[in-house]
C-alpha cells in the first residue's frame, strides 16, 4: 500500500489530520485530500514535507 497519514505541524508538534491519504492535489488555492475510506478534506496552507518511505505528509498553515 502507498497511502500516507497527513499531519499538521503546529507549535513544533504534529497533529494527525487525515489517515490513509490516497489522493492529494492542489485545488483552488487549497490542498484536497481523500483517504481510502472516501473521507475528504481541504487544507488551507502548504505542504512542508512528504516522506514516501515513512508514509507521512507534513502540512503547515500559512
Protein backbone atom coordinates (compact mmCIF):
# COMPACT_ATOMS: atom_id res chain seq x y z
CA UNK A 1 0.00 0.00 0.00
CA UNK A 2 1.20 3.51 -0.79
CA UNK A 3 -1.12 5.66 1.30
CA UNK A 4 0.22 8.06 3.93
CA UNK A 5 -1.01 9.87 7.03
CA UNK A 6 -1.26 13.67 6.91
CA UNK A 7 -0.20 15.73 9.92
CA UNK A 8 -0.44 19.45 10.67
CA UNK A 9 2.66 20.97 12.22
CA UNK A 10 1.66 23.42 14.93
CA UNK A 11 3.93 24.93 17.61
CA UNK A 12 6.66 22.39 16.85
CA UNK A 13 4.27 19.44 17.29
CA UNK A 14 2.43 17.31 14.77
CA UNK A 15 -1.31 16.63 14.94
CA UNK A 16 -2.91 13.90 12.86
CA UNK A 17 -5.15 15.46 10.21
CA UNK A 18 -6.18 12.55 7.98
CA UNK A 19 -5.21 8.88 7.93
CA UNK A 20 -4.66 6.68 4.89
CA UNK A 21 -4.47 9.53 2.36
CA UNK A 22 -4.77 8.13 -1.13
CA UNK A 23 -5.20 11.32 -3.20
CA UNK A 24 -3.58 14.69 -2.57
CA UNK A 25 -3.83 17.55 -5.07
CA UNK A 26 -3.90 21.34 -5.22
CA UNK A 27 -7.35 22.74 -5.87
CA UNK A 28 -8.35 26.43 -5.88
CA UNK A 29 -5.52 27.51 -3.58
CA UNK A 30 -6.17 24.68 -1.11
CA UNK A 31 -4.93 21.12 -0.75
CA UNK A 32 -7.57 18.48 -1.42
CA UNK A 33 -7.15 15.09 0.26
CA UNK A 34 -9.19 11.90 0.12
CA UNK A 35 -8.45 8.71 2.02
CA UNK A 36 -9.11 5.05 1.26
CA UNK A 37 -12.47 5.22 3.03
CA UNK A 38 -13.78 8.16 0.96
CA UNK A 39 -13.32 10.80 3.66
CA UNK A 40 -12.43 14.14 2.05
CA UNK A 41 -10.77 17.25 3.49
CA UNK A 42 -9.46 20.58 2.23
CA UNK A 43 -6.45 22.16 3.93
CA UNK A 44 -5.58 25.85 3.69
CA UNK A 45 -1.81 26.05 3.91
CA UNK A 46 1.14 24.34 2.29
CA UNK A 47 2.97 21.03 2.19
CA UNK A 48 6.10 21.27 4.30
CA UNK A 49 7.37 17.75 3.66
CA UNK A 50 6.40 14.41 2.17
CA UNK A 51 8.24 11.26 3.21
CA UNK A 52 7.33 8.35 0.95
CA UNK A 53 9.39 5.88 2.97
CA UNK A 54 7.74 6.88 6.26
CA UNK A 55 4.28 7.35 4.64
CA UNK A 56 3.95 10.86 6.14
CA UNK A 57 2.71 14.18 4.81
CA UNK A 58 3.51 17.24 6.91
CA UNK A 59 1.23 20.26 6.36
CA UNK A 60 1.62 23.77 7.73
CA UNK A 61 -0.73 26.74 7.85
CA UNK A 62 0.37 29.98 6.21
